[in-house]
Amino acid sequence: MPVTSRPQNAPALSHRERQVLAHIAAGLSHKQIARRLGISVHTVGTYLRRIRTKRTAPTVAHLIRLGVAEGVATSGGTN
């Protein structure tokens, strides 16, 4: 399943969604992301559900590829 930066009709990711996506792409757990951003683990899950609604990313691997395509992560795994 190819991941592109953003399909023409897809809504843009919010700033916070991009932050969560960058942390996922960096390999952090939901709990680690929550601590770093000062939000709950449940809220991290909510942002990921919103990202998945806006883009085709059913797995963590797809989220990582999406992070690279969106420019919030590098293909080398560091940000």
N, C-alpha and C. Protein backbone atom coordinates (compact mmCIF):
# COMPACT_ATOMS: atom_id res chain seq x y z
N MET A 1 0.84 -1.17 0.00
CA MET A 1 0.00 0.00 0.00
C MET A 1 0.89 1.24 0.00
N PRO A 2 0.92 2.01 -1.08
CA PRO A 2 1.81 3.16 -1.15
C PRO A 2 1.35 4.29 -0.24
N VAL A 3 2.31 5.02 0.29
CA VAL A 3 2.02 6.17 1.14
C VAL A 3 2.59 7.38 0.43
N THR A 4 1.76 8.37 0.20
CA THR A 4 2.22 9.60 -0.42
C THR A 4 2.15 10.72 0.60
N SER A 5 2.77 11.84 0.29
CA SER A 5 2.81 12.93 1.26
C SER A 5 1.41 13.39 1.65
N ARG A 6 0.54 13.55 0.64
CA ARG A 6 -0.84 13.88 0.96
C ARG A 6 -1.66 13.83 -0.31
N PRO A 7 -2.65 12.96 -0.34
CA PRO A 7 -3.54 12.96 -1.49
C PRO A 7 -4.19 14.34 -1.64
N GLN A 8 -4.51 14.73 -2.84
CA GLN A 8 -5.04 16.07 -3.10
C GLN A 8 -6.27 16.40 -2.27
N ASN A 9 -7.16 15.46 -2.07
CA ASN A 9 -8.40 15.75 -1.35
C ASN A 9 -8.33 15.41 0.14
N ALA A 10 -7.20 14.97 0.64
CA ALA A 10 -7.08 14.59 2.05
C ALA A 10 -6.85 15.83 2.91
N PRO A 11 -7.50 15.90 4.07
CA PRO A 11 -7.28 17.05 4.95
C PRO A 11 -5.86 17.03 5.53
N ALA A 12 -5.35 18.20 5.79
CA ALA A 12 -4.00 18.32 6.37
C ALA A 12 -3.99 17.81 7.80
N LEU A 13 -2.85 17.32 8.23
CA LEU A 13 -2.68 16.92 9.62
C LEU A 13 -2.46 18.17 10.46
N SER A 14 -3.03 18.17 11.67
CA SER A 14 -2.83 19.30 12.57
C SER A 14 -1.40 19.28 13.11
N HIS A 15 -1.02 20.37 13.73
CA HIS A 15 0.33 20.46 14.32
C HIS A 15 0.54 19.33 15.34
N ARG A 16 -0.43 19.10 16.19
CA ARG A 16 -0.30 18.08 17.23
C ARG A 16 -0.26 16.68 16.62
N GLU A 17 -1.07 16.45 15.59
CA GLU A 17 -1.04 15.15 14.91
C GLU A 17 0.34 14.90 14.31
N ARG A 18 0.94 15.94 13.73
CA ARG A 18 2.29 15.82 13.17
C ARG A 18 3.31 15.53 14.27
N GLN A 19 3.15 16.13 15.45
CA GLN A 19 4.05 15.86 16.56
C GLN A 19 3.96 14.40 16.99
N VAL A 20 2.74 13.91 17.16
CA VAL A 20 2.53 12.52 17.56
C VAL A 20 3.11 11.59 16.50
N LEU A 21 2.85 11.89 15.24
CA LEU A 21 3.37 11.07 14.14
C LEU A 21 4.90 11.04 14.16
N ALA A 22 5.53 12.16 14.41
CA ALA A 22 7.00 12.22 14.48
C ALA A 22 7.53 11.33 15.59
N HIS A 23 6.86 11.35 16.74
CA HIS A 23 7.30 10.51 17.87
C HIS A 23 7.08 9.02 17.58
N ILE A 24 5.98 8.69 16.93
CA ILE A 24 5.74 7.30 16.54
C ILE A 24 6.84 6.85 15.58
N ALA A 25 7.15 7.70 14.60
CA ALA A 25 8.18 7.37 13.61
C ALA A 25 9.56 7.24 14.26
N ALA A 26 9.75 7.93 15.39
CA ALA A 26 11.02 7.84 16.12
C ALA A 26 11.08 6.59 17.01
N GLY A 27 9.97 5.84 17.07
CA GLY A 27 9.96 4.59 17.82
C GLY A 27 9.50 4.68 19.25
N LEU A 28 8.89 5.80 19.63
CA LEU A 28 8.43 5.95 21.00
C LEU A 28 7.09 5.24 21.23
N SER A 29 6.87 4.82 22.46
CA SER A 29 5.61 4.19 22.83
C SER A 29 4.57 5.27 23.09
N HIS A 30 3.32 4.85 23.17
CA HIS A 30 2.24 5.79 23.47
C HIS A 30 2.50 6.49 24.81
N LYS A 31 2.96 5.74 25.79
CA LYS A 31 3.23 6.31 27.11
C LYS A 31 4.37 7.34 27.06
N GLN A 32 5.42 7.04 26.32
CA GLN A 32 6.53 7.98 26.18
C GLN A 32 6.09 9.26 25.47
N ILE A 33 5.29 9.10 24.44
CA ILE A 33 4.78 10.27 23.71
C ILE A 33 3.92 11.13 24.63
N ALA A 34 3.06 10.49 25.39
CA ALA A 34 2.18 11.21 26.31
C ALA A 34 2.99 12.03 27.30
N ARG A 35 4.03 11.43 27.86
CA ARG A 35 4.87 12.14 28.81
C ARG A 35 5.57 13.33 28.16
N ARG A 36 6.12 13.12 26.97
CA ARG A 36 6.85 14.20 26.29
C ARG A 36 5.96 15.37 25.89
N LEU A 37 4.73 15.07 25.52
CA LEU A 37 3.83 16.12 25.07
C LEU A 37 2.92 16.65 26.17
N GLY A 38 2.95 16.03 27.34
CA GLY A 38 2.12 16.48 28.45
C GLY A 38 0.63 16.20 28.22
N ILE A 39 0.33 15.06 27.60
CA ILE A 39 -1.04 14.66 27.33
C ILE A 39 -1.23 13.23 27.85
N SER A 40 -2.46 12.75 27.85
CA SER A 40 -2.71 11.40 28.33
C SER A 40 -2.44 10.38 27.22
N VAL A 41 -2.25 9.14 27.63
CA VAL A 41 -2.06 8.05 26.67
C VAL A 41 -3.31 7.92 25.80
N HIS A 42 -4.47 8.12 26.38
CA HIS A 42 -5.71 8.07 25.62
C HIS A 42 -5.72 9.13 24.52
N THR A 43 -5.22 10.31 24.82
CA THR A 43 -5.18 11.39 23.83
C THR A 43 -4.22 11.05 22.69
N VAL A 44 -3.12 10.39 23.00
CA VAL A 44 -2.20 9.94 21.95
C VAL A 44 -2.95 9.01 21.01
N GLY A 45 -3.70 8.07 21.57
CA GLY A 45 -4.49 7.15 20.76
C GLY A 45 -5.52 7.88 19.91
N THR A 46 -6.10 8.92 20.47
CA THR A 46 -7.08 9.72 19.72
C THR A 46 -6.42 10.39 18.52
N TYR A 47 -5.25 10.98 18.73
CA TYR A 47 -4.54 11.61 17.61
C TYR A 47 -4.18 10.58 16.54
N LEU A 48 -3.76 9.40 16.94
CA LEU A 48 -3.42 8.37 15.96
C LEU A 48 -4.66 7.91 15.18
N ARG A 49 -5.80 7.82 15.85
CA ARG A 49 -7.04 7.47 15.14
C ARG A 49 -7.40 8.56 14.13
N ARG A 50 -7.20 9.81 14.51
CA ARG A 50 -7.47 10.91 13.58
C ARG A 50 -6.55 10.86 12.37
N ILE A 51 -5.27 10.56 12.62
CA ILE A 51 -4.30 10.44 11.52
C ILE A 51 -4.74 9.32 10.59
N ARG A 52 -5.11 8.20 11.16
CA ARG A 52 -5.52 7.04 10.35
C ARG A 52 -6.80 7.33 9.58
N THR A 53 -7.66 8.18 10.10
CA THR A 53 -8.87 8.58 9.40
C THR A 53 -8.52 9.45 8.19
N LYS A 54 -7.54 10.32 8.36
CA LYS A 54 -7.15 11.24 7.30
C LYS A 54 -6.26 10.59 6.24
N ARG A 55 -5.52 9.56 6.62
CA ARG A 55 -4.59 8.89 5.71
C ARG A 55 -4.77 7.38 5.80
N THR A 56 -4.29 6.66 4.82
CA THR A 56 -4.32 5.20 4.85
C THR A 56 -3.07 4.73 5.57
N ALA A 57 -3.21 4.40 6.85
CA ALA A 57 -2.07 3.95 7.65
C ALA A 57 -2.56 2.96 8.71
N PRO A 58 -2.88 1.73 8.30
CA PRO A 58 -3.45 0.77 9.24
C PRO A 58 -2.46 0.17 10.24
N THR A 59 -1.16 0.26 9.96
CA THR A 59 -0.17 -0.34 10.87
C THR A 59 0.86 0.71 11.29
N VAL A 60 1.66 0.37 12.29
CA VAL A 60 2.72 1.26 12.73
C VAL A 60 3.74 1.47 11.61
N ALA A 61 4.01 0.42 10.84
CA ALA A 61 4.94 0.57 9.71
C ALA A 61 4.42 1.61 8.73
N HIS A 62 3.12 1.60 8.47
CA HIS A 62 2.54 2.61 7.58
C HIS A 62 2.63 4.00 8.19
N LEU A 63 2.45 4.10 9.50
CA LEU A 63 2.58 5.40 10.17
C LEU A 63 4.00 5.93 10.03
N ILE A 64 4.98 5.06 10.18
CA ILE A 64 6.37 5.49 10.04
C ILE A 64 6.64 5.98 8.63
N ARG A 65 6.17 5.22 7.64
CA ARG A 65 6.34 5.65 6.24
C ARG A 65 5.62 6.97 5.99
N LEU A 66 4.45 7.14 6.59
CA LEU A 66 3.70 8.38 6.46
C LEU A 66 4.49 9.53 7.09
N GLY A 67 5.11 9.27 8.24
CA GLY A 67 5.93 10.30 8.89
C GLY A 67 7.05 10.78 8.00
N VAL A 68 7.69 9.85 7.30
CA VAL A 68 8.76 10.21 6.36
C VAL A 68 8.17 11.01 5.20
N ALA A 69 7.05 10.53 4.66
CA ALA A 69 6.42 11.20 3.52
C ALA A 69 5.93 12.60 3.89
N GLU A 70 5.46 12.77 5.12
CA GLU A 70 4.96 14.07 5.58
C GLU A 70 6.10 15.01 5.98
N GLY A 71 7.31 14.48 6.05
CA GLY A 71 8.45 15.32 6.41
C GLY A 71 8.64 15.55 7.89
N VAL A 72 7.99 14.74 8.73
CA VAL A 72 8.14 14.89 10.18
C VAL A 72 9.16 13.91 10.74
N ALA A 73 9.62 12.97 9.90
CA ALA A 73 10.61 11.98 10.30
C ALA A 73 11.54 11.75 9.12
N THR A 74 12.72 11.26 9.42
CA THR A 74 13.66 10.94 8.35
C THR A 74 13.69 9.45 8.14
N SER A 75 14.13 9.01 6.99
CA SER A 75 14.19 7.58 6.70
C SER A 75 15.25 6.88 7.53
N GLY A 76 16.15 7.65 8.15
CA GLY A 76 17.17 7.07 9.01
C GLY A 76 16.71 6.79 10.42
N GLY A 77 15.47 7.19 10.74
CA GLY A 77 14.92 6.89 12.05
C GLY A 77 15.17 7.96 13.10
N THR A 78 15.91 9.01 12.74
CA THR A 78 16.13 10.09 13.71
C THR A 78 15.42 11.33 13.22
N ASN A 79 15.14 12.21 14.15
CA ASN A 79 14.40 13.40 13.80
C ASN A 79 15.19 14.64 14.04
